[in-house]
Amino acid sequence: MSGQDVCEILKQSQLIAVVGISSNPNRTSRNIAEYLRNNGFRLVGVNPNTNFKDANGIKVFNSLSEIDEPIDIVNVFRKSNDIPLLIDDVLKVKPKVLWLQLGIKNNEAVAPVIKEGIETIQNMCIKVEHSYCF
């Protein structure tokens, strides 16, 4: 995927679901989520491992399937070997893009998502890419 394609995706996106958002405000997932919010995106968080429901004004859900509006980008902060656990929910909510953050890649797990026609980006930081585009 070219840099221009990535920029086009970001320009056309409004709602980003951050999977793996942390309750700790010092974690990378929170830093990037707040950066995206401060740059005009609407955000929701997904974290099935905790009971927190708000990350500094970002509503947090237990799963993608609880989000009741169309998602443009599912941005994932989970380990590569955890990606298979997300695929069923990604296929249910049908975002325009599945974006695995820098250091996260699982070709086998994302194959059904790609087959379904959902644009898939792996091993790229959405914050870095956004800074190149805008």
Protein backbone atom coordinates (compact mmCIF):
# COMPACT_ATOMS: atom_id res chain seq x y z
CA MET A 1 0.00 0.00 0.00
CA SER A 2 1.37 3.39 -0.94
CA GLY A 3 1.69 6.34 1.39
CA GLN A 4 -0.89 8.12 -0.74
CA ASP A 5 -3.36 5.26 -0.19
CA VAL A 6 -2.83 5.45 3.58
CA CYS A 7 -3.36 9.22 3.53
CA GLU A 8 -6.59 8.76 1.56
CA ILE A 9 -7.84 6.24 4.15
CA LEU A 10 -7.11 8.69 6.97
CA LYS A 11 -8.74 11.60 5.14
CA GLN A 12 -11.92 9.60 4.56
CA SER A 13 -12.19 8.19 8.10
CA GLN A 14 -14.13 9.57 11.02
CA LEU A 15 -14.71 6.88 13.65
CA ILE A 16 -11.76 4.85 14.92
CA ALA A 17 -12.16 1.97 17.37
CA VAL A 18 -8.96 1.50 19.39
CA VAL A 19 -8.74 -2.17 20.38
CA GLY A 20 -6.49 -2.67 23.38
CA ILE A 21 -6.83 0.85 24.73
CA SER A 22 -5.26 0.94 28.16
CA SER A 23 -6.65 2.26 31.42
CA ASN A 24 -3.11 3.56 32.06
CA PRO A 25 -2.84 7.08 30.56
CA ASN A 26 0.92 6.62 30.07
CA ARG A 27 0.60 3.68 27.66
CA THR A 28 1.15 4.07 23.92
CA SER A 29 -2.44 3.13 23.06
CA ARG A 30 -3.75 6.05 25.13
CA ASN A 31 -1.17 8.49 23.78
CA ILE A 32 -2.05 7.64 20.19
CA ALA A 33 -5.80 7.63 20.87
CA GLU A 34 -5.61 11.10 22.36
CA TYR A 35 -3.45 12.29 19.46
CA LEU A 36 -6.08 11.02 17.00
CA ARG A 37 -8.91 12.64 18.96
CA ASN A 38 -7.00 15.92 19.07
CA ASN A 39 -6.64 15.72 15.30
CA GLY A 40 -10.35 15.49 14.56
CA PHE A 41 -11.21 11.80 14.70
CA ARG A 42 -14.06 10.40 16.79
CA LEU A 43 -12.84 7.55 18.96
CA VAL A 44 -14.16 4.63 20.92
CA GLY A 45 -12.06 2.16 22.84
CA VAL A 46 -12.27 -1.60 23.19
CA ASN A 47 -10.74 -3.45 26.11
CA PRO A 48 -12.23 -6.78 27.19
CA ASN A 49 -9.77 -7.27 30.04
CA THR A 50 -10.84 -4.43 32.31
CA ASN A 51 -13.98 -2.85 33.65
CA PHE A 52 -13.10 0.75 32.87
CA LYS A 53 -15.64 2.47 30.63
CA ASP A 54 -13.97 5.82 29.98
CA ALA A 55 -10.43 6.71 28.88
CA ASN A 56 -10.24 10.48 29.38
CA GLY A 57 -13.51 11.05 27.56
CA ILE A 58 -13.19 8.10 25.15
CA LYS A 59 -16.02 5.64 25.74
CA VAL A 60 -14.68 2.10 26.21
CA PHE A 61 -16.56 -1.09 25.25
CA ASN A 62 -15.81 -4.72 26.07
CA SER A 63 -15.94 -5.77 22.40
CA LEU A 64 -16.25 -4.38 18.89
CA SER A 65 -19.70 -5.93 18.55
CA GLU A 66 -21.03 -3.61 21.30
CA ILE A 67 -20.35 -0.52 19.15
CA ASP A 68 -23.62 0.47 17.49
CA GLU A 69 -22.39 2.68 14.68
CA PRO A 70 -20.28 2.12 11.55
CA ILE A 71 -16.55 1.97 12.24
CA ASP A 72 -14.12 3.33 9.69
CA ILE A 73 -10.90 1.99 11.22
CA VAL A 74 -10.32 -0.73 13.80
CA ASN A 75 -6.89 0.21 15.17
CA VAL A 76 -5.34 -2.66 17.13
CA PHE A 77 -2.90 -2.55 20.05
CA ARG A 78 -2.70 -6.27 20.84
CA LYS A 79 0.03 -8.85 20.44
CA SER A 80 0.36 -10.50 17.04
CA ASN A 81 -0.64 -13.87 18.47
CA ASP A 82 -3.86 -12.30 19.89
CA ILE A 83 -5.10 -11.17 16.47
CA PRO A 84 -7.03 -14.41 15.75
CA LEU A 85 -9.22 -13.61 18.79
CA LEU A 86 -10.41 -10.39 17.11
CA ILE A 87 -11.19 -11.64 13.63
CA ASP A 88 -14.79 -12.82 14.20
CA ASP A 89 -15.76 -9.43 15.66
CA VAL A 90 -13.97 -7.57 12.86
CA LEU A 91 -15.90 -9.60 10.30
CA LYS A 92 -19.18 -8.87 12.13
CA VAL A 93 -18.73 -5.09 12.33
CA LYS A 94 -17.17 -4.81 8.84
CA PRO A 95 -15.01 -1.71 9.28
CA LYS A 96 -13.53 -0.11 6.19
CA VAL A 97 -10.02 -0.78 7.53
CA LEU A 98 -8.31 -3.13 9.97
CA TRP A 99 -5.11 -1.42 11.13
CA LEU A 100 -2.54 -3.35 13.17
CA GLN A 101 -0.11 -1.03 14.91
CA LEU A 102 3.66 -1.00 14.48
CA GLY A 103 5.15 -4.35 15.48
CA ILE A 104 1.86 -6.23 15.03
CA LYS A 105 1.49 -8.59 12.08
CA ASN A 106 -0.35 -11.86 11.54
CA ASN A 107 -0.89 -12.72 7.87
CA GLU A 108 -2.73 -15.95 8.59
CA ALA A 109 -5.18 -14.34 11.01
CA VAL A 110 -6.05 -11.39 8.75
CA ALA A 111 -6.54 -13.51 5.61
CA PRO A 112 -10.35 -13.83 6.14
CA VAL A 113 -10.60 -10.07 6.64
CA ILE A 114 -8.75 -9.39 3.40
CA LYS A 115 -10.90 -12.01 1.63
CA GLU A 116 -13.99 -10.14 2.85
CA GLY A 117 -12.69 -6.97 1.15
CA ILE A 118 -11.73 -5.08 4.29
CA GLU A 119 -8.59 -3.03 3.71
CA THR A 120 -5.87 -4.32 6.03
CA ILE A 121 -2.75 -2.50 7.21
CA GLN A 122 -0.17 -4.28 9.34
CA ASN A 123 2.94 -3.19 11.21
CA MET A 124 2.33 0.58 10.80
CA CYS A 125 1.80 3.30 13.37
CA ILE A 126 -1.34 5.29 12.63
CA LYS A 127 0.06 8.34 14.45
CA VAL A 128 3.25 8.36 12.38
CA GLU A 129 1.31 7.87 9.16
CA HIS A 130 -1.12 10.64 10.09
CA SER A 131 1.78 13.02 10.78
CA TYR A 132 3.11 12.33 7.26
CA CYS A 133 -0.28 13.03 5.68
CA PHE A 134 -1.28 16.22 7.46
